Amino acid sequence: MYLKSTVSIPQCYVWMTEGVPNRGELFKRYVRDYVKIYYPGYELEKISGMQAVIKLKK
């Protein structure tokens, strides 16, 4: 199993956060929760474009 991996971020998060004053914060929260649900045991390390870099939890 890999310690780090890259996964695609759902495109819908772009339009779901459109026009929101704290867009960056909300987008990151959506991505963090997405990782928590679909990749249990991993956590968000960073967002690069529409890719989430995730790492194995210790």
C-alpha atoms as a PDB file:
ATOM      1  CA  MET A   1       0.000   0.000   0.000  1.00  0.00           C
ATOM      2  CA  TYR A   2       1.205   3.501  -0.827  1.00  0.00           C
ATOM      3  CA  LEU A   3       1.925   6.046   1.879  1.00  0.00           C
ATOM      4  CA  LYS A   4       0.934   8.907  -0.452  1.00  0.00           C
ATOM      5  CA  SER A   5      -1.423   9.019  -3.395  1.00  0.00           C
ATOM      6  CA  THR A   6      -3.125  11.522  -5.676  1.00  0.00           C
ATOM      7  CA  VAL A   7      -6.872  11.443  -6.302  1.00  0.00           C
ATOM      8  CA  SER A   8      -9.106  13.574  -8.503  1.00  0.00           C
ATOM      9  CA  ILE A   9     -11.364  16.095  -6.809  1.00  0.00           C
ATOM     10  CA  PRO A  10     -15.023  15.979  -7.925  1.00  0.00           C
ATOM     11  CA  GLN A  11     -15.678  18.754 -10.447  1.00  0.00           C
ATOM     12  CA  CYS A  12     -18.987  19.629  -8.791  1.00  0.00           C
ATOM     13  CA  TYR A  13     -17.103  21.224  -5.868  1.00  0.00           C
ATOM     14  CA  VAL A  14     -16.128  24.095  -8.182  1.00  0.00           C
ATOM     15  CA  TRP A  15     -19.681  25.206  -8.936  1.00  0.00           C
ATOM     16  CA  MET A  16     -20.936  24.310  -5.455  1.00  0.00           C
ATOM     17  CA  THR A  17     -18.585  26.901  -3.952  1.00  0.00           C
ATOM     18  CA  GLU A  18     -19.064  29.550  -6.630  1.00  0.00           C
ATOM     19  CA  GLY A  19     -19.964  32.980  -5.240  1.00  0.00           C
ATOM     20  CA  VAL A  20     -19.332  32.024  -1.607  1.00  0.00           C
ATOM     21  CA  PRO A  21     -17.298  34.632   0.318  1.00  0.00           C
ATOM     22  CA  ASN A  22     -15.015  32.023   1.932  1.00  0.00           C
ATOM     23  CA  ARG A  23     -14.761  29.877  -1.195  1.00  0.00           C
ATOM     24  CA  GLY A  24     -11.227  28.574  -0.643  1.00  0.00           C
ATOM     25  CA  GLU A  25     -11.954  27.494   2.915  1.00  0.00           C
ATOM     26  CA  LEU A  26     -15.227  25.813   1.941  1.00  0.00           C
ATOM     27  CA  PHE A  27     -13.629  24.055  -1.048  1.00  0.00           C
ATOM     28  CA  LYS A  28     -10.859  22.673   1.156  1.00  0.00           C
ATOM     29  CA  ARG A  29     -13.417  21.468   3.722  1.00  0.00           C
ATOM     30  CA  TYR A  30     -15.385  19.674   0.987  1.00  0.00           C
ATOM     31  CA  VAL A  31     -12.215  17.982  -0.266  1.00  0.00           C
ATOM     32  CA  ARG A  32     -11.131  17.018   3.263  1.00  0.00           C
ATOM     33  CA  ASP A  33     -14.543  15.452   3.942  1.00  0.00           C
ATOM     34  CA  TYR A  34     -14.495  13.693   0.554  1.00  0.00           C
ATOM     35  CA  VAL A  35     -11.163  12.085   1.444  1.00  0.00           C
ATOM     36  CA  LYS A  36     -12.456  11.118   4.883  1.00  0.00           C
ATOM     37  CA  ILE A  37     -15.490   9.323   3.388  1.00  0.00           C
ATOM     38  CA  TYR A  38     -14.014   7.700   0.264  1.00  0.00           C
ATOM     39  CA  TYR A  39     -10.444   7.055   1.449  1.00  0.00           C
ATOM     40  CA  PRO A  40     -10.691   6.011   5.095  1.00  0.00           C
ATOM     41  CA  GLY A  41      -7.310   5.748   6.733  1.00  0.00           C
ATOM     42  CA  TYR A  42      -5.961   8.633   4.635  1.00  0.00           C
ATOM     43  CA  GLU A  43      -5.880  12.363   5.256  1.00  0.00           C
ATOM     44  CA  LEU A  44      -5.557  15.376   2.984  1.00  0.00           C
ATOM     45  CA  GLU A  45      -1.999  16.651   2.663  1.00  0.00           C
ATOM     46  CA  LYS A  46      -2.523  19.329   0.008  1.00  0.00           C
ATOM     47  CA  ILE A  47      -4.575  20.356  -3.000  1.00  0.00           C
ATOM     48  CA  SER A  48      -2.808  20.810  -6.319  1.00  0.00           C
ATOM     49  CA  GLY A  49      -5.124  21.987  -9.083  1.00  0.00           C
ATOM     50  CA  MET A  50      -8.018  19.529  -9.142  1.00  0.00           C
ATOM     51  CA  GLN A  51      -5.948  16.791  -7.479  1.00  0.00           C
ATOM     52  CA  ALA A  52      -5.826  15.991  -3.788  1.00  0.00           C
ATOM     53  CA  VAL A  53      -2.582  14.632  -2.420  1.00  0.00           C
ATOM     54  CA  ILE A  54      -3.477  12.259   0.389  1.00  0.00           C
ATOM     55  CA  LYS A  55      -1.275  10.411   2.860  1.00  0.00           C
ATOM     56  CA  LEU A  56      -1.757   7.427   5.079  1.00  0.00           C
ATOM     57  CA  LYS A  57      -2.693   8.356   8.644  1.00  0.00           C
ATOM     58  CA  LYS A  58      -0.190   7.370  11.288  1.00  0.00           C
END
